[in-house]
C-alpha cells in the first residue's frame, strides 16, 4: 500500500483545487497542504480514520432510530387522540345529532371542533371569562367569520342525560324568538359538551339591577322594568307552549336574563332545562336551581313543572319591584334574608310598599301599575303550583301593565283611571290570591282596592 511519502502517491491520487481526483479505498480524503522537501505538495489523505468513521456511522444510525421511534410514538398518540375524540363525539350524542340534522334538515347549528373552540377562546383565556355558574364556565369568543359569541363549557353530564342533551340542541336550534338567546353551534368531541350562543353585549339583568363589578347603579324607570319583565315572560311562555315539546328552563333568575344594547331582554342558560311532551303533566328529575329562586314545591317533590319556572319568575318580578337581591342583607341587622319570604309577609300585613324601590314607589303616576305588578308577583309565588298562573297568562298581564304605564306616563295621568277591561280583570287575580291566603278577608279587600 502506498504511503503519503511515496512519490507515486501523488501521481495516483492527485489533488486539484482542494478536491481529490481519486479516492483510495472508497474513503473521503482531503488535500495535503504541507510541502515536501523538494518543494512539491503531497497528494490526498483519508479525511477520517476507520475508528472515526465507525463512530460517525453508529451516531447517525442512533439518530435515525430515535427519530423513527419519536415519529411512530407521535403517530400512535395522534391515533389514540383521534379515537378518543370519536368516542367523546359518540358519547355526547354526535351521531344522533347528525341523524337528527339530516332528518329534520336542521342547518342552523354549526358543529365545531375542539381546535376551533380553543382558537375562539384564546385557549380558554381567563380574560375572556364572562361568568361562572353552577352548570359551567362561559367565555367570550370570536369565530373564524369574526362573529362574537358566548361559549359555554359545560360541567360533566351524566351518561343518562346525553340523549336529552342532544334533543335540547335540536329543539333550541329550531327556536326563533327575539327574546331567547340563539344557539349557534356546539362542540362534542371533548369530554364535556361545549355550546356556542349568540353574544349579548349589555350584561345581565342581575348586574343591571344590583350593580356590576363597579357597583354603579343607574335609575331604572318603571316602563323599562315592565318592558324587561314582559319580554322575559313572553320568552318563557314561548318555551312552555309554542314548541313541539315543552321546554322547562329550570333555573330562571335575573342572572340568566341578558340585555342587549337597547335593553331588550333575552332569556339564556338552559343548562338546567328539561324537555317533556305536551301531553305529560310533569317531568321527574333531580331539580337543579339557585337558592332564593327555587320552587319549594319542586324542591320537596323533585317534580319540575312549568309552574316551577313561574315561581322563579315571580322572584325576578320582586327584584324588579324592590331592586333587592333574592337573598339580601338587611340594613339594620346585616343578616341574610329571603326576599320572597319577607315580601309575602309584608304583603299580607299591607306593608309591602316599604320594600319597594323608592324610584317607583314615590311615583304617583305609577301607583296602580306597581300595585298590580306586586299582586301578580305574589300570585306567581303561590305555595301550590296549581294556584299559580301560566307563563302565558303572566306575559299577557305584563303586556297590559306595560302598555298602560306607557300610556299613563305619556298623558301624565295619576294612575286612577286604569280600565280593568284594558288591564287584568280583578277576578283573574283575586281568586288565586284568596286560595293562597286561605280566604283572608283583609287580603280580599286589599286586592279589590288595588
Protein backbone atom coordinates (compact mmCIF):
# COMPACT_ATOMS: atom_id res chain seq x y z
CA UNK A 1 0.00 0.00 0.00
CA UNK A 2 1.33 3.38 -0.91
CA UNK A 3 2.08 5.90 1.76
CA UNK A 4 1.78 9.63 1.56
CA UNK A 5 5.55 10.00 1.49
CA UNK A 6 5.84 7.78 -1.56
CA UNK A 7 6.33 9.93 -4.72
CA UNK A 8 3.90 7.74 -6.63
CA UNK A 9 1.09 8.54 -4.12
CA UNK A 10 0.59 11.99 -5.54
CA UNK A 11 0.57 10.61 -9.07
CA UNK A 12 -2.14 8.08 -8.22
CA UNK A 13 -4.18 10.37 -6.02
CA UNK A 14 -3.63 13.91 -7.28
CA UNK A 15 -5.22 16.91 -5.64
CA UNK A 16 -6.63 19.78 -7.68
CA UNK A 17 -8.31 22.90 -6.23
CA UNK A 18 -8.68 21.21 -2.86
CA UNK A 19 -10.59 18.22 -4.28
CA UNK A 20 -9.26 14.67 -4.52
CA UNK A 21 -9.48 13.40 -8.06
CA UNK A 22 -9.27 9.75 -6.93
CA UNK A 23 -10.44 8.24 -3.65
CA UNK A 24 -8.35 5.36 -2.31
CA UNK A 25 -10.34 2.54 -0.80
CA UNK A 26 -13.59 4.47 -1.17
CA UNK A 27 -12.59 6.84 1.64
CA UNK A 28 -13.23 10.54 1.65
CA UNK A 29 -9.99 12.45 1.54
CA UNK A 30 -8.68 15.98 1.68
CA UNK A 31 -5.74 17.64 0.04
CA UNK A 32 -2.47 17.92 1.89
CA UNK A 33 -1.24 21.48 2.09
CA UNK A 34 2.08 20.50 3.57
CA UNK A 35 5.03 20.96 1.16
CA UNK A 36 7.59 18.21 0.68
CA UNK A 37 11.35 18.82 0.93
CA UNK A 38 11.69 19.15 -2.81
CA UNK A 39 9.04 21.88 -2.97
CA UNK A 40 6.20 19.72 -4.22
CA UNK A 41 2.99 19.02 -2.31
CA UNK A 42 1.64 15.77 -1.05
CA UNK A 43 -1.42 14.31 -2.64
CA UNK A 44 -4.59 13.18 -0.76
CA UNK A 45 -5.02 11.53 2.57
CA UNK A 46 -8.15 9.96 4.24
CA UNK A 47 -10.47 12.54 5.92
CA UNK A 48 -11.37 10.30 8.89
CA UNK A 49 -9.75 7.25 10.33
CA UNK A 50 -11.57 3.93 10.38
CA UNK A 51 -12.44 4.33 14.08
CA UNK A 52 -13.79 7.80 13.49
CA UNK A 53 -15.87 6.61 10.57
CA UNK A 54 -17.30 3.77 12.64
CA UNK A 55 -18.24 6.17 15.44
CA UNK A 56 -19.91 8.55 12.97
CA UNK A 57 -21.87 5.69 11.42
CA UNK A 58 -23.10 4.50 14.80
CA UNK A 59 -24.12 8.05 15.79
CA UNK A 60 -26.06 8.60 12.58
CA UNK A 61 -27.80 5.24 12.96
CA UNK A 62 -28.76 6.10 16.56
CA UNK A 63 -30.21 9.46 15.48
CA UNK A 64 -32.23 7.80 12.71
CA UNK A 65 -33.58 5.13 15.07
CA UNK A 66 -34.54 7.70 17.73
CA UNK A 67 -36.23 9.89 15.09
CA UNK A 68 -38.23 6.95 13.78
CA UNK A 69 -39.24 5.97 17.32
CA UNK A 70 -40.43 9.53 18.05
CA UNK A 71 -42.34 9.66 14.77
CA UNK A 72 -44.07 6.35 15.48
CA UNK A 73 -44.89 7.47 19.04
CA UNK A 74 -46.41 10.70 17.71
CA UNK A 75 -48.46 8.78 15.16
CA UNK A 76 -49.72 6.41 17.84
CA UNK A 77 -50.55 9.36 20.10
CA UNK A 78 -52.44 11.11 17.30
CA UNK A 79 -54.33 7.92 16.50
CA UNK A 80 -55.21 7.49 20.17
CA UNK A 81 -56.28 11.15 20.37
CA UNK A 82 -58.50 10.80 17.27
CA UNK A 83 -60.02 7.63 18.67
CA UNK A 84 -60.66 9.40 21.99
CA UNK A 85 -62.34 12.30 20.18
CA UNK A 86 -64.51 9.87 18.22
CA UNK A 87 -65.55 8.20 21.48
CA UNK A 88 -66.39 11.55 23.07
CA UNK A 89 -68.35 12.52 19.97
CA UNK A 90 -70.39 9.32 20.18
CA UNK A 91 -70.87 9.61 23.95
CA UNK A 92 -72.08 13.20 23.63
CA UNK A 93 -74.63 12.17 21.03
CA UNK A 94 -72.83 13.41 17.94
CA UNK A 95 -74.09 10.59 15.71
CA UNK A 96 -77.63 11.11 16.93
CA UNK A 97 -77.28 14.82 16.29
CA UNK A 98 -76.10 14.21 12.73
CA UNK A 99 -79.06 11.89 12.09
CA UNK A 100 -81.50 14.42 13.51
CA UNK A 101 -79.96 17.23 11.50
CA UNK A 102 -80.34 15.23 8.28
CA UNK A 103 -83.87 14.05 9.02
CA UNK A 104 -85.16 17.42 10.23
CA UNK A 105 -83.00 19.44 7.86
CA UNK A 106 -81.52 21.43 10.72
CA UNK A 107 -78.87 23.72 9.28
CA UNK A 108 -78.75 26.46 11.91
CA UNK A 109 -76.38 24.65 14.28
CA UNK A 110 -72.70 24.51 13.40
CA UNK A 111 -70.64 21.62 14.73
CA UNK A 112 -67.23 22.96 15.78
CA UNK A 113 -64.02 21.13 16.61
CA UNK A 114 -62.05 21.46 19.82
CA UNK A 115 -59.32 23.28 17.89
CA UNK A 116 -61.82 25.89 16.65
CA UNK A 117 -63.14 26.39 20.19
CA UNK A 118 -59.64 26.88 21.59
CA UNK A 119 -58.82 29.40 18.87
CA UNK A 120 -62.08 31.26 19.51
CA UNK A 121 -61.43 31.49 23.26
CA UNK A 122 -57.66 32.01 23.04
CA UNK A 123 -57.22 28.59 24.65
CA UNK A 124 -59.81 29.36 27.36
CA UNK A 125 -58.05 32.54 28.42
CA UNK A 126 -59.19 33.81 31.83
CA UNK A 127 -59.51 37.32 30.41
CA UNK A 128 -62.35 36.03 28.22
CA UNK A 129 -64.45 34.66 31.08
CA UNK A 130 -67.94 36.18 31.09
CA UNK A 131 -69.30 34.27 34.05
CA UNK A 132 -69.18 31.06 36.03
CA UNK A 133 -72.36 29.30 37.07
CA UNK A 134 -73.47 26.02 38.51
CA UNK A 135 -73.59 24.40 35.08
CA UNK A 136 -70.34 25.59 33.54
CA UNK A 137 -68.00 28.40 32.54
CA UNK A 138 -68.93 30.97 29.90
CA UNK A 139 -66.28 32.59 27.69
CA UNK A 140 -66.45 35.35 25.14
CA UNK A 141 -65.20 34.06 21.82
CA UNK A 142 -64.69 35.10 18.22
CA UNK A 143 -65.37 32.64 15.40
CA UNK A 144 -63.43 32.49 12.14
CA UNK A 145 -66.09 34.67 10.50
CA UNK A 146 -65.34 37.38 13.13
CA UNK A 147 -68.72 36.86 14.79
CA UNK A 148 -68.67 37.39 18.57
CA UNK A 149 -70.21 34.54 20.55
CA UNK A 150 -70.64 33.28 24.09
CA UNK A 151 -69.06 29.85 24.53
CA UNK A 152 -70.26 27.75 27.42
CA UNK A 153 -68.12 24.87 28.56
CA UNK A 154 -70.45 22.61 30.49
CA UNK A 155 -69.63 20.57 33.52
CA UNK A 156 -69.66 16.79 33.28
CA UNK A 157 -73.11 15.47 32.45
CA UNK A 158 -74.46 12.07 33.33
CA UNK A 159 -74.49 9.43 30.60
CA UNK A 160 -78.25 9.01 31.04
CA UNK A 161 -78.77 12.68 30.15
CA UNK A 162 -76.80 12.72 26.91
CA UNK A 163 -79.75 11.82 24.69
CA UNK A 164 -81.78 14.59 26.29
CA UNK A 165 -78.84 16.93 25.78
CA UNK A 166 -78.87 16.24 22.05
CA UNK A 167 -82.64 16.66 21.97
CA UNK A 168 -82.18 20.02 23.65
CA UNK A 169 -79.72 21.08 20.98
CA UNK A 170 -82.20 20.09 18.28
CA UNK A 171 -85.08 21.92 19.96
CA UNK A 172 -83.06 25.05 20.70
CA UNK A 173 -81.74 25.10 17.15
CA UNK A 174 -85.32 25.39 15.92
CA UNK A 175 -86.25 28.18 18.34
CA UNK A 176 -86.61 31.51 16.67
CA UNK A 177 -87.70 34.05 19.26
CA UNK A 178 -86.33 37.55 19.59
CA UNK A 179 -86.14 37.29 23.39
CA UNK A 180 -84.29 33.97 23.60
CA UNK A 181 -80.53 33.71 23.12
CA UNK A 182 -79.90 31.77 19.93
CA UNK A 183 -77.89 28.56 19.90
CA UNK A 184 -75.34 28.85 17.07
CA UNK A 185 -73.24 25.74 17.42
CA UNK A 186 -71.74 23.03 19.60
CA UNK A 187 -68.59 21.01 20.11
CA UNK A 188 -69.00 17.34 21.02
CA UNK A 189 -65.55 15.81 20.51
CA UNK A 190 -64.27 16.64 24.02
CA UNK A 191 -65.01 15.13 27.41
CA UNK A 192 -67.75 17.67 28.21
CA UNK A 193 -70.04 19.34 25.65
CA UNK A 194 -69.46 22.94 24.61
CA UNK A 195 -72.33 25.14 23.41
CA UNK A 196 -71.95 28.30 21.35
CA UNK A 197 -74.57 31.05 21.77
CA UNK A 198 -75.01 34.49 20.31
CA UNK A 199 -73.23 37.16 22.32
CA UNK A 200 -75.44 39.67 24.15
CA UNK A 201 -73.46 42.78 24.92
CA UNK A 202 -75.11 44.60 27.83
CA UNK A 203 -74.66 42.11 30.65
CA UNK A 204 -77.29 40.50 32.85
CA UNK A 205 -80.43 41.81 34.47
CA UNK A 206 -78.84 40.98 37.82
CA UNK A 207 -75.98 43.41 37.15
CA UNK A 208 -78.41 45.98 35.75
CA UNK A 209 -80.49 45.93 38.95
CA UNK A 210 -77.87 45.36 41.62
CA UNK A 211 -74.70 46.72 40.07
CA UNK A 212 -71.84 45.07 38.27
CA UNK A 213 -68.18 44.93 39.28
CA UNK A 214 -68.08 48.72 39.59
CA UNK A 215 -71.27 48.71 41.74
CA UNK A 216 -72.66 51.70 39.87
CA UNK A 217 -76.47 51.88 39.92
CA UNK A 218 -78.41 53.86 37.35
CA UNK A 219 -82.06 54.92 37.67
CA UNK A 220 -84.46 52.48 36.01
CA UNK A 221 -87.90 53.84 35.07
CA UNK A 222 -90.93 51.64 35.60
CA UNK A 223 -91.73 51.33 31.90
CA UNK A 224 -88.25 49.85 31.28
CA UNK A 225 -88.72 47.39 34.14
CA UNK A 226 -92.06 46.36 32.68
CA UNK A 227 -90.52 46.00 29.24
CA UNK A 228 -87.83 43.65 30.56
CA UNK A 229 -90.37 41.67 32.59
CA UNK A 230 -92.79 41.37 29.66
CA UNK A 231 -90.16 40.25 27.16
CA UNK A 232 -88.76 37.68 29.59
CA UNK A 233 -92.22 36.32 30.33
CA UNK A 234 -93.03 36.07 26.62
CA UNK A 235 -89.83 34.11 26.04
CA UNK A 236 -90.65 31.63 28.83
CA UNK A 237 -94.24 31.35 27.62
CA UNK A 238 -92.93 30.51 24.15
CA UNK A 239 -90.73 27.76 25.59
CA UNK A 240 -93.63 26.34 27.58
CA UNK A 241 -96.30 26.29 24.91
CA UNK A 242 -95.06 27.17 21.43
CA UNK A 243 -92.67 24.33 20.62
CA UNK A 244 -93.28 20.70 19.72
CA UNK A 245 -92.03 19.68 23.15
CA UNK A 246 -92.36 21.85 26.23
CA UNK A 247 -89.02 23.24 27.36
CA UNK A 248 -88.74 23.88 31.08
CA UNK A 249 -85.95 26.30 31.84
CA UNK A 250 -85.34 25.09 35.38
CA UNK A 251 -83.13 27.98 36.52
CA UNK A 252 -85.00 31.24 35.90
CA UNK A 253 -83.25 34.12 37.64
CA UNK A 254 -82.10 37.66 36.90
CA UNK A 255 -78.57 36.42 36.18
CA UNK A 256 -79.95 34.30 33.33
CA UNK A 257 -81.74 37.19 31.64
CA UNK A 258 -79.40 39.12 29.36
CA UNK A 259 -79.82 42.63 27.99
CA UNK A 260 -78.71 43.93 24.61
CA UNK A 261 -77.75 47.50 23.69
CA UNK A 262 -81.42 48.56 23.61
CA UNK A 263 -82.11 46.82 26.94
CA UNK A 264 -84.18 44.15 25.24
CA UNK A 265 -84.36 41.02 27.38
CA UNK A 266 -83.02 37.67 26.18
CA UNK A 267 -83.50 34.55 28.27
CA UNK A 268 -80.35 32.43 28.40
CA UNK A 269 -78.62 29.49 30.08
CA UNK A 270 -80.59 26.31 29.53
CA UNK A 271 -78.10 24.19 31.45
CA UNK A 272 -80.76 23.02 33.90
CA UNK A 273 -83.55 22.81 31.34
CA UNK A 274 -85.62 19.73 30.71
CA UNK A 275 -87.90 18.59 27.93
CA UNK A 276 -91.27 16.93 28.15
CA UNK A 277 -94.06 16.02 25.78
CA UNK A 278 -97.02 18.34 25.55
CA UNK A 279 -99.34 15.67 26.99
CA UNK A 280 -97.19 14.97 30.04
CA UNK A 281 -98.16 16.52 33.36
CA UNK A 282 -94.73 16.58 34.91
CA UNK A 283 -91.11 15.77 34.31
CA UNK A 284 -89.36 13.82 37.05
CA UNK A 285 -85.74 14.73 37.64
CA UNK A 286 -83.27 15.89 40.25
CA UNK A 287 -84.29 19.52 40.44
CA UNK A 288 -81.48 21.99 39.93
CA UNK A 289 -81.76 25.67 40.56
CA UNK A 290 -80.47 28.63 42.53
CA UNK A 291 -81.12 29.26 46.19
CA UNK A 292 -83.63 32.05 46.57
CA UNK A 293 -85.36 31.26 43.27
CA UNK A 294 -86.08 27.56 43.72
CA UNK A 295 -89.72 26.50 43.85
CA UNK A 296 -90.23 24.90 47.31
CA UNK A 297 -92.87 22.53 45.93
CA UNK A 298 -90.45 21.22 43.29
CA UNK A 299 -87.65 21.02 45.82
CA UNK A 300 -89.72 18.73 48.04
CA UNK A 301 -91.37 16.60 45.35
CA UNK A 302 -88.49 16.56 42.82
CA UNK A 303 -91.10 17.30 40.16
CA UNK A 304 -90.09 20.03 37.75
CA UNK A 305 -93.11 21.58 36.03
CA UNK A 306 -93.87 24.71 34.08
CA UNK A 307 -95.18 26.22 37.32
CA UNK A 308 -91.66 25.88 38.76
CA UNK A 309 -90.48 28.43 36.21
CA UNK A 310 -93.45 30.64 37.14
CA UNK A 311 -92.39 30.67 40.78
CA UNK A 312 -88.80 31.60 39.90
CA UNK A 313 -90.04 34.32 37.59
CA UNK A 314 -92.10 35.70 40.48
CA UNK A 315 -88.85 36.23 42.37
CA UNK A 316 -87.48 38.12 39.35
CA UNK A 317 -90.57 40.36 39.45
CA UNK A 318 -89.83 41.11 43.11
CA UNK A 319 -86.26 42.05 42.16
CA UNK A 320 -87.65 44.47 39.58
CA UNK A 321 -90.04 45.93 42.16
CA UNK A 322 -87.67 46.23 45.10
CA UNK A 323 -84.22 46.25 43.49
CA UNK A 324 -83.16 43.81 46.21
CA UNK A 325 -81.37 40.51 45.67
CA UNK A 326 -83.21 37.21 46.12
CA UNK A 327 -81.09 36.78 49.26
CA UNK A 328 -80.24 40.23 50.55
CA UNK A 329 -78.55 41.71 53.62
CA UNK A 330 -80.87 43.60 55.93
CA UNK A 331 -79.62 47.13 56.58
CA UNK A 332 -80.46 47.07 60.29
CA UNK A 333 -79.16 43.63 61.30
CA UNK A 334 -76.90 42.89 58.29
CA UNK A 335 -78.38 39.39 58.23
CA UNK A 336 -79.20 37.47 55.07
CA UNK A 337 -82.93 37.48 54.40
CA UNK A 338 -85.16 35.89 51.79
CA UNK A 339 -86.77 38.46 49.51
CA UNK A 340 -89.69 36.14 48.80
CA UNK A 341 -90.42 35.36 52.44
CA UNK A 342 -90.17 38.96 53.61
CA UNK A 343 -92.19 40.42 50.76
CA UNK A 344 -95.02 37.92 51.19
CA UNK A 345 -95.03 38.59 54.92
CA UNK A 346 -95.19 42.36 54.39
CA UNK A 347 -97.78 41.94 51.63
CA UNK A 348 -100.11 40.06 53.98
CA UNK A 349 -99.66 42.87 56.51
CA UNK A 350 -100.25 45.50 53.82
CA UNK A 351 -96.80 46.97 54.45
CA UNK A 352 -95.10 45.82 51.27
CA UNK A 353 -94.77 49.37 49.91
CA UNK A 354 -91.95 49.93 52.37
CA UNK A 355 -89.93 47.30 50.48
CA UNK A 356 -90.48 48.80 47.04
CA UNK A 357 -87.72 50.68 45.26
CA UNK A 358 -88.16 54.37 46.04
CA UNK A 359 -87.77 55.26 42.35
CA UNK A 360 -91.13 53.68 41.56
CA UNK A 361 -92.81 53.72 44.99
CA UNK A 362 -92.83 57.52 45.09
CA UNK A 363 -94.19 57.90 41.57
CA UNK A 364 -97.87 58.83 41.82
CA UNK A 365 -98.48 58.05 38.15
CA UNK A 366 -97.19 54.50 38.60
CA UNK A 367 -99.01 53.68 41.84
CA UNK A 368 -101.74 51.47 40.37
CA UNK A 369 -99.40 49.69 37.98
CA UNK A 370 -96.90 48.99 40.76
CA UNK A 371 -99.64 47.58 42.99
CA UNK A 372 -100.93 45.33 40.23
CA UNK A 373 -97.39 44.20 39.48
CA UNK A 374 -96.95 43.32 43.16
CA UNK A 375 -100.20 41.34 43.11
CA UNK A 376 -99.03 39.45 40.03
CA UNK A 377 -95.70 38.64 41.67
CA UNK A 378 -97.45 37.30 44.77
CA UNK A 379 -99.74 35.26 42.53
CA UNK A 380 -96.69 33.68 40.87
CA UNK A 381 -95.27 32.87 44.32
CA UNK A 382 -98.29 30.86 45.45
CA UNK A 383 -97.32 27.93 47.62
CA UNK A 384 -99.16 25.45 45.42
CA UNK A 385 -98.21 25.21 41.78
CA UNK A 386 -101.82 24.77 40.71
CA UNK A 387 -102.65 28.19 42.17
CA UNK A 388 -100.06 29.95 40.04
CA UNK A 389 -100.86 31.39 36.61
CA UNK A 390 -99.24 30.01 33.48
CA UNK A 391 -96.37 31.90 31.88
CA UNK A 392 -98.70 32.80 29.02
CA UNK A 393 -101.12 34.43 31.46
CA UNK A 394 -98.25 36.22 33.20
CA UNK A 395 -96.97 37.56 29.87
CA UNK A 396 -100.44 38.80 28.89
CA UNK A 397 -100.92 40.63 32.18
CA UNK A 398 -97.48 42.21 31.99
CA UNK A 399 -98.13 43.31 28.42
CA UNK A 400 -101.25 45.12 29.59
CA UNK A 401 -99.44 46.78 32.52
CA UNK A 402 -96.59 47.86 30.27
CA UNK A 403 -98.94 49.44 27.74
CA UNK A 404 -100.91 51.18 30.45
CA UNK A 405 -97.75 52.59 32.05
CA UNK A 406 -96.52 53.97 28.73
CA UNK A 407 -99.97 55.48 28.09
CA UNK A 408 -100.26 56.93 31.60
CA UNK A 409 -96.74 58.36 31.58
CA UNK A 410 -97.20 59.98 28.19
CA UNK A 411 -100.53 61.58 29.26
CA UNK A 412 -99.42 62.46 32.78
CA UNK A 413 -102.24 60.50 34.41
CA UNK A 414 -102.26 59.89 38.13
CA UNK A 415 -102.95 56.20 37.70
CA UNK A 416 -106.54 56.33 38.95
CA UNK A 417 -108.08 55.92 35.53
CA UNK A 418 -106.92 52.35 34.98
CA UNK A 419 -109.51 50.48 32.96
CA UNK A 420 -109.99 46.96 34.26
CA UNK A 421 -111.13 45.83 30.83
CA UNK A 422 -107.85 47.10 29.37
CA UNK A 423 -105.82 45.50 32.15
CA UNK A 424 -106.03 42.38 34.26
CA UNK A 425 -109.55 41.75 35.42
CA UNK A 426 -109.97 41.62 39.21
CA UNK A 427 -111.46 38.14 39.12
CA UNK A 428 -108.40 36.73 37.33
CA UNK A 429 -106.20 37.74 40.27
CA UNK A 430 -108.49 37.69 43.29
CA UNK A 431 -109.48 34.02 43.19
CA UNK A 432 -105.98 32.53 43.22
CA UNK A 433 -104.87 35.01 45.87
CA UNK A 434 -107.86 34.09 48.03
CA UNK A 435 -106.91 30.43 47.79
CA UNK A 436 -103.30 31.18 48.58
CA UNK A 437 -104.14 33.20 51.68
CA UNK A 438 -106.81 30.80 52.94
CA UNK A 439 -109.61 33.17 52.09
CA UNK A 440 -108.30 36.07 54.18
CA UNK A 441 -110.88 38.85 54.22
CA UNK A 442 -108.23 41.50 54.59
CA UNK A 443 -106.43 40.18 51.52
CA UNK A 444 -109.64 40.27 49.52
CA UNK A 445 -110.14 43.90 50.49
CA UNK A 446 -106.57 44.68 49.52
CA UNK A 447 -106.86 43.04 46.12
CA UNK A 448 -110.21 44.70 45.44
CA UNK A 449 -108.73 48.03 46.47
CA UNK A 450 -105.88 47.53 44.02
